N, C-alpha and C. Protein backbone atom coordinates (compact mmCIF):
# COMPACT_ATOMS: atom_id res chain seq x y z
N MET A 1 -21.85 -12.25 -12.66
CA MET A 1 -20.76 -11.16 -12.56
C MET A 1 -19.57 -11.45 -11.82
N PHE A 2 -19.93 -12.08 -10.69
CA PHE A 2 -18.79 -12.40 -9.70
C PHE A 2 -17.94 -13.49 -10.32
N GLN A 3 -18.37 -14.47 -11.02
CA GLN A 3 -17.84 -15.51 -11.74
C GLN A 3 -16.83 -14.86 -12.74
N ASP A 4 -17.44 -13.94 -13.49
CA ASP A 4 -16.46 -13.02 -14.59
C ASP A 4 -15.28 -12.65 -13.80
N TYR A 5 -15.56 -11.81 -12.69
CA TYR A 5 -14.52 -11.20 -11.91
C TYR A 5 -13.42 -12.29 -11.56
N LEU A 6 -14.02 -13.46 -11.07
CA LEU A 6 -12.92 -14.59 -10.50
C LEU A 6 -12.26 -15.06 -11.75
N GLY A 7 -12.80 -15.14 -12.90
CA GLY A 7 -12.16 -15.70 -14.17
C GLY A 7 -10.98 -14.71 -14.58
N ARG A 8 -11.26 -13.35 -14.54
CA ARG A 8 -10.22 -12.43 -14.83
C ARG A 8 -9.17 -12.53 -13.87
N LEU A 9 -9.48 -12.60 -12.51
CA LEU A 9 -8.55 -12.56 -11.63
C LEU A 9 -7.60 -13.76 -11.63
N ARG A 10 -8.17 -14.85 -11.90
CA ARG A 10 -7.33 -16.08 -12.08
C ARG A 10 -6.57 -16.20 -13.29
N ALA A 11 -7.03 -15.48 -14.32
CA ALA A 11 -6.23 -15.37 -15.46
C ALA A 11 -4.94 -14.65 -15.39
N ASN A 12 -4.85 -13.80 -14.66
CA ASN A 12 -3.39 -13.12 -14.33
C ASN A 12 -3.56 -12.54 -12.92
N PRO A 13 -3.63 -13.20 -11.85
CA PRO A 13 -3.88 -12.58 -10.46
C PRO A 13 -2.56 -11.97 -10.03
N CYS A 14 -1.41 -12.47 -10.31
CA CYS A 14 -0.20 -11.94 -9.62
C CYS A 14 0.35 -10.74 -10.22
N GLY A 15 0.38 -10.52 -11.48
CA GLY A 15 0.87 -9.38 -12.04
C GLY A 15 2.42 -9.58 -11.79
N PHE A 16 3.10 -8.34 -12.11
CA PHE A 16 4.50 -8.19 -11.89
C PHE A 16 4.91 -6.75 -11.53
N LEU A 17 6.00 -6.64 -11.06
CA LEU A 17 6.61 -5.33 -10.76
C LEU A 17 7.35 -4.77 -12.01
N ARG A 18 6.83 -3.85 -12.59
CA ARG A 18 7.36 -3.21 -13.84
C ARG A 18 8.21 -2.03 -13.37
N VAL A 19 9.58 -2.22 -13.21
CA VAL A 19 10.37 -1.02 -12.77
C VAL A 19 10.65 -0.09 -14.00
N GLU A 20 9.87 0.86 -13.70
CA GLU A 20 10.01 2.11 -14.81
C GLU A 20 9.87 3.41 -14.15
N THR A 21 10.32 4.45 -14.82
CA THR A 21 10.19 5.77 -14.02
C THR A 21 8.87 6.54 -14.64
N PRO A 22 8.38 7.22 -13.80
CA PRO A 22 8.92 7.92 -12.56
C PRO A 22 8.61 6.85 -11.35
N LEU A 23 9.31 7.20 -10.29
CA LEU A 23 9.06 6.34 -9.05
C LEU A 23 8.82 7.25 -7.92
N ILE A 24 8.15 6.74 -6.88
CA ILE A 24 7.80 7.46 -5.58
C ILE A 24 8.20 6.79 -4.42
N GLU A 25 8.80 7.26 -3.51
CA GLU A 25 9.21 6.64 -2.23
C GLU A 25 7.78 6.32 -1.49
N THR A 26 7.77 5.18 -1.03
CA THR A 26 6.52 4.70 -0.36
C THR A 26 6.79 4.36 1.06
N VAL A 27 6.18 5.01 1.98
CA VAL A 27 6.38 4.73 3.43
C VAL A 27 5.14 4.60 4.23
N GLY A 28 5.25 3.81 5.19
CA GLY A 28 4.13 3.39 6.06
C GLY A 28 4.57 3.27 7.57
N VAL A 29 3.48 2.93 8.30
CA VAL A 29 3.66 2.85 9.71
C VAL A 29 2.85 1.64 10.22
N LEU A 30 3.33 0.80 11.22
CA LEU A 30 2.50 -0.32 11.75
C LEU A 30 1.77 0.44 12.94
N THR A 31 0.49 0.05 13.11
CA THR A 31 -0.40 0.63 14.20
C THR A 31 -0.15 -0.01 15.58
N ALA A 32 0.61 -1.03 15.69
CA ALA A 32 0.84 -1.66 16.90
C ALA A 32 2.28 -2.32 16.79
N PRO A 33 2.90 -2.55 17.81
CA PRO A 33 4.22 -3.25 17.93
C PRO A 33 4.29 -4.66 17.31
N ALA A 34 5.19 -4.95 16.44
CA ALA A 34 5.21 -6.44 15.83
C ALA A 34 6.59 -6.86 16.16
N ASP A 35 6.55 -8.21 16.08
CA ASP A 35 7.99 -8.99 16.11
C ASP A 35 8.92 -8.44 15.18
N PRO A 36 10.18 -7.96 15.66
CA PRO A 36 11.12 -7.25 14.84
C PRO A 36 11.69 -8.34 13.74
N ASP A 37 11.44 -9.65 13.91
CA ASP A 37 11.96 -10.50 12.93
C ASP A 37 10.87 -11.07 12.00
N ALA A 38 9.62 -10.58 12.20
CA ALA A 38 8.55 -10.78 11.10
C ALA A 38 8.86 -10.22 9.82
N TRP A 39 8.29 -10.79 8.70
CA TRP A 39 8.51 -10.28 7.43
C TRP A 39 7.27 -9.46 6.93
N LEU A 40 7.55 -8.37 6.42
CA LEU A 40 6.68 -7.38 5.67
C LEU A 40 6.82 -7.84 4.24
N SER A 41 5.67 -8.07 3.63
CA SER A 41 5.77 -8.33 2.21
C SER A 41 4.98 -7.45 1.32
N LEU A 42 5.40 -7.36 0.05
CA LEU A 42 4.61 -6.35 -0.85
C LEU A 42 4.28 -7.24 -2.03
N TYR A 43 3.03 -7.11 -2.49
CA TYR A 43 2.44 -7.76 -3.69
C TYR A 43 2.02 -6.82 -4.63
N VAL A 44 1.81 -7.18 -6.05
CA VAL A 44 1.21 -6.43 -6.92
C VAL A 44 -0.21 -7.19 -7.00
N THR A 45 -1.19 -6.28 -7.13
CA THR A 45 -2.71 -6.89 -7.09
C THR A 45 -3.43 -6.26 -8.37
N PRO A 46 -4.33 -7.02 -8.86
CA PRO A 46 -5.00 -6.68 -10.13
C PRO A 46 -6.05 -5.52 -9.78
N ASP A 47 -6.49 -5.46 -8.53
CA ASP A 47 -7.29 -4.32 -8.22
C ASP A 47 -7.22 -4.17 -6.67
N LEU A 48 -7.91 -3.25 -6.13
CA LEU A 48 -7.72 -2.83 -4.75
C LEU A 48 -8.88 -3.22 -3.72
N SER A 49 -9.52 -4.29 -4.18
CA SER A 49 -10.65 -4.76 -3.37
C SER A 49 -10.06 -5.78 -2.37
N LEU A 50 -10.70 -6.06 -1.33
CA LEU A 50 -10.42 -7.01 -0.25
C LEU A 50 -10.24 -8.43 -0.88
N ASN A 51 -11.21 -8.76 -1.69
CA ASN A 51 -11.16 -10.10 -2.18
C ASN A 51 -10.03 -10.35 -3.01
N ALA A 52 -9.62 -9.39 -3.86
CA ALA A 52 -8.40 -9.58 -4.88
C ALA A 52 -7.17 -9.62 -3.96
N SER A 53 -7.09 -8.70 -2.91
CA SER A 53 -5.98 -8.64 -1.99
C SER A 53 -5.80 -10.12 -1.30
N LEU A 54 -6.85 -10.53 -0.71
CA LEU A 54 -6.64 -11.81 -0.13
C LEU A 54 -6.31 -12.99 -1.07
N PHE A 55 -6.98 -12.96 -2.34
CA PHE A 55 -6.44 -13.97 -3.22
C PHE A 55 -5.03 -14.01 -3.62
N VAL A 56 -4.45 -12.66 -3.85
CA VAL A 56 -3.19 -12.52 -4.32
C VAL A 56 -2.09 -13.01 -3.08
N LEU A 57 -2.61 -12.70 -1.83
CA LEU A 57 -1.81 -13.07 -0.77
C LEU A 57 -1.73 -14.70 -0.61
N ASP A 58 -2.79 -15.24 -1.16
CA ASP A 58 -2.96 -16.78 -1.01
C ASP A 58 -2.19 -17.49 -2.15
N HIS A 59 -2.14 -16.69 -3.24
CA HIS A 59 -1.81 -17.48 -4.48
C HIS A 59 -0.53 -16.88 -5.36
N CYS A 60 0.03 -15.80 -4.83
CA CYS A 60 1.18 -15.03 -5.43
C CYS A 60 2.41 -14.97 -4.70
N ALA A 61 3.55 -14.89 -5.24
CA ALA A 61 4.87 -14.50 -4.48
C ALA A 61 4.94 -13.08 -4.16
N PRO A 62 5.52 -12.65 -3.17
CA PRO A 62 5.75 -11.18 -3.01
C PRO A 62 6.80 -10.74 -3.94
N VAL A 63 6.59 -9.40 -4.30
CA VAL A 63 7.77 -8.77 -5.09
C VAL A 63 8.80 -8.20 -4.40
N PHE A 64 8.49 -8.13 -3.08
CA PHE A 64 9.55 -7.57 -2.17
C PHE A 64 9.25 -7.87 -0.74
N ARG A 65 10.25 -8.30 0.11
CA ARG A 65 10.14 -8.66 1.51
C ARG A 65 11.21 -7.88 2.25
N LYS A 66 10.92 -7.55 3.59
CA LYS A 66 11.92 -7.13 4.32
C LYS A 66 11.39 -7.35 5.83
N LYS A 67 12.48 -7.42 6.73
CA LYS A 67 12.18 -7.71 8.18
C LYS A 67 11.48 -6.43 8.70
N VAL A 68 10.69 -6.49 9.66
CA VAL A 68 10.09 -5.42 10.19
C VAL A 68 11.00 -4.45 11.06
N GLY A 69 11.77 -5.15 11.72
CA GLY A 69 12.84 -4.36 12.72
C GLY A 69 12.07 -3.82 13.92
N ARG A 70 12.79 -2.84 14.62
CA ARG A 70 12.36 -2.37 15.88
C ARG A 70 11.52 -1.09 15.64
N SER A 71 11.50 -0.45 14.52
CA SER A 71 10.77 0.81 14.26
C SER A 71 9.38 0.45 13.82
N PRO A 72 8.34 1.23 14.09
CA PRO A 72 7.04 1.06 13.54
C PRO A 72 6.96 1.57 12.15
N LEU A 73 8.04 2.48 11.77
CA LEU A 73 8.04 3.02 10.41
C LEU A 73 8.68 1.95 9.53
N PHE A 74 8.28 1.95 8.15
CA PHE A 74 8.77 1.12 7.10
C PHE A 74 8.81 1.74 5.92
N ILE A 75 9.80 1.59 5.07
CA ILE A 75 9.95 1.97 3.63
C ILE A 75 9.86 0.75 2.71
N LEU A 76 8.88 0.97 1.76
CA LEU A 76 8.83 -0.02 0.82
C LEU A 76 9.72 0.28 -0.33
N GLY A 77 10.47 1.47 -0.41
CA GLY A 77 11.21 1.88 -1.41
C GLY A 77 10.52 2.67 -2.55
N PRO A 78 11.24 3.10 -3.57
CA PRO A 78 10.71 3.83 -4.61
C PRO A 78 9.89 2.83 -5.41
N LEU A 79 8.47 3.13 -5.65
CA LEU A 79 7.62 2.06 -6.50
C LEU A 79 7.18 2.99 -7.87
N PRO A 80 6.93 2.06 -8.80
CA PRO A 80 6.43 2.80 -10.03
C PRO A 80 4.90 2.72 -9.88
N GLN A 81 4.06 3.32 -10.85
CA GLN A 81 2.70 3.28 -10.94
C GLN A 81 2.22 1.72 -10.94
N GLY A 82 1.15 1.53 -10.01
CA GLY A 82 0.60 0.21 -9.85
C GLY A 82 -0.23 0.05 -8.78
N LYS A 83 -0.90 -1.09 -8.60
CA LYS A 83 -1.65 -1.31 -7.48
C LYS A 83 -1.07 -2.33 -6.48
N TYR A 84 -0.99 -2.23 -5.17
CA TYR A 84 -0.14 -3.01 -4.36
C TYR A 84 -0.92 -3.37 -3.01
N VAL A 85 -0.56 -4.49 -2.44
CA VAL A 85 -0.89 -4.92 -1.16
C VAL A 85 0.39 -5.05 -0.22
N VAL A 86 0.45 -4.60 0.86
CA VAL A 86 1.50 -4.83 1.85
C VAL A 86 0.91 -5.74 2.94
N MET A 87 1.57 -6.74 3.34
CA MET A 87 1.02 -7.59 4.33
C MET A 87 2.09 -8.01 5.27
N LEU A 88 1.47 -8.27 6.62
CA LEU A 88 2.21 -8.80 7.72
C LEU A 88 1.34 -9.82 8.26
N PRO A 89 2.09 -10.96 8.56
CA PRO A 89 1.06 -12.07 9.26
C PRO A 89 0.55 -11.60 10.55
N SER A 90 -0.60 -11.83 10.74
CA SER A 90 -1.21 -11.24 11.99
C SER A 90 -0.55 -11.98 13.29
N ALA A 91 0.02 -13.02 13.26
CA ALA A 91 0.77 -13.70 14.29
C ALA A 91 1.98 -12.77 14.61
N ALA A 92 2.43 -12.02 13.76
CA ALA A 92 3.51 -11.07 14.03
C ALA A 92 3.36 -10.15 15.38
N PHE A 93 2.04 -9.87 15.63
CA PHE A 93 1.69 -8.90 16.72
C PHE A 93 1.30 -9.76 18.03
N GLY A 94 1.75 -11.15 17.90
CA GLY A 94 1.69 -11.82 19.23
C GLY A 94 0.12 -12.00 19.58
N ARG A 95 -0.15 -12.22 20.84
CA ARG A 95 -1.38 -12.19 21.36
C ARG A 95 -2.22 -10.92 21.77
N SER A 96 -1.48 -9.90 21.65
CA SER A 96 -1.88 -8.57 21.98
C SER A 96 -2.73 -8.04 20.79
N LEU A 97 -3.22 -6.81 20.88
CA LEU A 97 -3.99 -6.21 19.93
C LEU A 97 -3.19 -6.46 18.48
N GLN A 98 -4.15 -6.76 17.47
CA GLN A 98 -3.77 -6.96 16.17
C GLN A 98 -3.33 -5.55 15.48
N GLY A 99 -2.33 -5.26 14.97
CA GLY A 99 -2.03 -4.15 14.34
C GLY A 99 -1.98 -4.23 12.85
N PHE A 100 -1.85 -3.03 12.18
CA PHE A 100 -2.04 -3.13 10.62
C PHE A 100 -0.93 -2.12 10.06
N PRO A 101 -0.46 -2.57 8.84
CA PRO A 101 0.13 -1.46 8.10
C PRO A 101 -0.55 -0.51 7.56
N VAL A 102 -0.17 0.85 7.63
CA VAL A 102 -0.80 1.94 7.11
C VAL A 102 0.05 2.63 6.25
N ILE A 103 -0.21 2.92 4.92
CA ILE A 103 0.57 3.61 3.97
C ILE A 103 0.24 5.25 4.09
N ALA A 104 1.36 5.83 4.19
CA ALA A 104 1.31 7.29 4.08
C ALA A 104 0.96 7.98 2.72
N PRO A 105 -0.01 8.73 2.63
CA PRO A 105 -0.18 9.53 1.34
C PRO A 105 1.04 10.33 0.96
N ALA A 106 1.31 10.36 -0.24
CA ALA A 106 2.54 11.07 -0.80
C ALA A 106 2.24 11.50 -2.29
N SER A 107 2.88 12.59 -2.68
CA SER A 107 2.88 12.99 -3.89
C SER A 107 4.16 13.64 -4.37
N THR A 108 4.43 13.41 -5.67
CA THR A 108 5.47 14.20 -6.41
C THR A 108 4.88 14.93 -7.55
N PRO A 109 5.51 15.58 -8.34
CA PRO A 109 4.86 16.22 -9.44
C PRO A 109 4.39 15.37 -10.42
N ASN A 110 4.80 14.05 -10.42
CA ASN A 110 4.34 12.94 -11.38
C ASN A 110 3.36 11.87 -10.84
N LEU A 111 3.67 11.51 -9.49
CA LEU A 111 2.87 10.33 -9.00
C LEU A 111 2.24 10.69 -7.63
N THR A 112 1.22 10.05 -7.28
CA THR A 112 0.68 10.17 -6.00
C THR A 112 0.28 8.63 -5.48
N VAL A 113 0.58 8.62 -4.13
CA VAL A 113 0.20 7.32 -3.39
C VAL A 113 -1.00 7.52 -2.54
N GLU A 114 -1.86 6.66 -2.63
CA GLU A 114 -3.17 6.62 -1.97
C GLU A 114 -3.55 5.26 -1.49
N MET A 115 -3.89 5.30 -0.13
CA MET A 115 -4.34 4.06 0.42
C MET A 115 -5.75 3.71 0.21
N ALA A 116 -6.00 2.54 -0.14
CA ALA A 116 -7.38 2.10 -0.42
C ALA A 116 -8.08 1.73 0.87
N PHE A 117 -7.50 0.93 1.46
CA PHE A 117 -7.96 0.40 2.83
C PHE A 117 -6.74 -0.24 3.71
N TYR A 118 -6.99 -0.57 4.94
CA TYR A 118 -6.35 -1.34 5.80
C TYR A 118 -7.10 -2.08 6.70
N GLY A 119 -6.73 -3.49 6.92
CA GLY A 119 -7.48 -4.27 7.82
C GLY A 119 -6.84 -5.63 7.78
N GLY A 120 -7.57 -6.48 7.83
CA GLY A 120 -7.22 -7.96 7.84
C GLY A 120 -8.19 -8.90 8.36
N ASN A 121 -7.73 -10.05 8.70
CA ASN A 121 -8.37 -11.17 9.23
C ASN A 121 -7.58 -11.99 10.22
N SER A 122 -7.93 -13.19 10.59
CA SER A 122 -7.04 -13.85 11.66
C SER A 122 -5.79 -14.28 11.05
N GLN A 123 -5.54 -14.18 9.84
CA GLN A 123 -4.25 -14.71 9.12
C GLN A 123 -3.33 -13.51 8.73
N TYR A 124 -3.93 -12.48 8.30
CA TYR A 124 -3.23 -11.25 7.62
C TYR A 124 -3.64 -10.06 8.17
N SER A 125 -2.58 -9.06 8.32
CA SER A 125 -2.79 -7.64 8.59
C SER A 125 -2.29 -6.99 7.19
N LEU A 126 -3.18 -6.24 6.64
CA LEU A 126 -2.80 -5.83 5.26
C LEU A 126 -3.33 -4.32 4.99
N ALA A 127 -2.61 -3.84 3.93
CA ALA A 127 -3.20 -2.51 3.48
C ALA A 127 -3.08 -2.53 1.87
N ALA A 128 -4.11 -2.14 1.24
CA ALA A 128 -4.05 -2.03 -0.35
C ALA A 128 -3.83 -0.40 -0.52
N PHE A 129 -3.06 -0.18 -1.68
CA PHE A 129 -2.77 1.03 -2.09
C PHE A 129 -2.36 1.06 -3.47
N SER A 130 -2.61 2.46 -4.06
CA SER A 130 -2.06 2.56 -5.38
C SER A 130 -1.03 3.58 -5.52
N VAL A 131 -0.30 3.49 -6.46
CA VAL A 131 0.71 4.49 -7.03
C VAL A 131 0.14 4.99 -8.46
N ARG A 132 -0.24 6.16 -8.62
CA ARG A 132 -0.90 6.54 -9.84
C ARG A 132 -0.44 7.88 -10.34
N PRO A 133 -0.62 8.07 -11.62
CA PRO A 133 -0.18 9.56 -12.14
C PRO A 133 -0.97 10.53 -11.47
N VAL A 134 -0.38 11.73 -11.31
CA VAL A 134 -1.13 12.93 -10.77
C VAL A 134 -1.83 13.34 -11.90
N SER A 135 -3.08 13.63 -11.49
CA SER A 135 -4.14 14.22 -12.42
C SER A 135 -4.13 15.72 -12.50
N ALA A 136 -4.71 16.30 -13.30
CA ALA A 136 -4.96 17.78 -13.46
C ALA A 136 -5.66 18.25 -12.08
N GLN A 137 -6.68 17.47 -11.78
CA GLN A 137 -7.37 17.85 -10.62
C GLN A 137 -6.61 17.78 -9.18
N ASP A 138 -5.65 16.71 -9.14
CA ASP A 138 -4.70 16.61 -8.01
C ASP A 138 -3.84 17.94 -8.02
N SER A 139 -3.41 18.32 -9.15
CA SER A 139 -2.50 19.49 -9.26
C SER A 139 -3.15 20.74 -8.87
N GLU A 140 -4.52 20.91 -9.21
CA GLU A 140 -5.16 22.05 -8.89
C GLU A 140 -5.47 21.98 -7.21
N GLN A 141 -5.84 20.89 -6.70
CA GLN A 141 -6.18 20.83 -5.18
C GLN A 141 -4.83 21.13 -4.43
N ARG A 142 -3.65 20.57 -4.97
CA ARG A 142 -2.42 21.07 -4.35
C ARG A 142 -2.24 22.48 -4.35
N SER A 143 -2.42 23.06 -5.47
CA SER A 143 -2.05 24.48 -5.75
C SER A 143 -2.98 25.34 -4.95
N ASN A 144 -4.34 24.94 -4.66
CA ASN A 144 -5.22 25.66 -3.99
C ASN A 144 -4.94 25.51 -2.38
N ARG A 145 -4.46 24.39 -1.94
CA ARG A 145 -4.11 24.28 -0.58
C ARG A 145 -2.79 25.14 -0.35
N SER A 146 -1.79 25.20 -1.24
CA SER A 146 -0.71 26.12 -1.05
C SER A 146 -1.16 27.59 -1.00
N GLN A 147 -1.96 27.91 -1.72
CA GLN A 147 -2.48 29.21 -1.60
C GLN A 147 -3.22 29.76 -0.28
N VAL A 148 -3.94 28.71 0.13
CA VAL A 148 -4.67 28.90 1.41
C VAL A 148 -3.70 28.99 2.58
N ILE A 149 -2.61 28.21 2.58
CA ILE A 149 -1.67 28.18 3.56
C ILE A 149 -0.83 29.49 3.49
N ALA A 150 -0.57 29.90 2.29
CA ALA A 150 0.23 31.20 2.18
C ALA A 150 -0.61 32.48 2.78
N ARG A 151 -1.87 32.32 2.61
CA ARG A 151 -2.61 33.55 2.92
C ARG A 151 -3.15 33.46 4.52
N ASP A 152 -2.77 32.23 5.07
CA ASP A 152 -3.20 32.12 6.49
C ASP A 152 -2.30 33.05 7.49
N PRO A 153 -2.92 34.09 8.08
CA PRO A 153 -1.94 34.79 8.90
C PRO A 153 -1.51 34.28 10.08
N ALA A 154 -1.99 33.24 10.49
CA ALA A 154 -1.39 32.59 11.71
C ALA A 154 -0.19 31.69 11.46
N ARG A 155 0.16 31.51 10.14
CA ARG A 155 1.24 30.69 9.78
C ARG A 155 2.54 31.57 9.55
């Protein structure tokens, strides 16, 4: 079974960024200070597993790169539906505590951003996330949260 998975992954591991609408602004934060001159890279991944994420980082080119800068916040820009990995080299955090990129959940009427995981190893600090269409269940949950907030007398 694992060999089948590796075969599929190697057949088309890198994917591509298909720029199509709708798009959603994708924002994140670093959990520790990083070198402002370090590069944050975005990759398309075939799935959101750690194995696929590490494979893509080792074998594929990023679809987007930007310098970290001085702020812990970062914007990856508006993204279409897809599965992504954002990566910062672990060395960007120096010898202090290793930090990680964390993607903020977000929703529009059409799309939602969900982080699958964040973590890394001695080489990479990464987060895997998806941008997917909003389902009827998502819309119902959002509506229920709005009704609860509207009825909360403390607000």
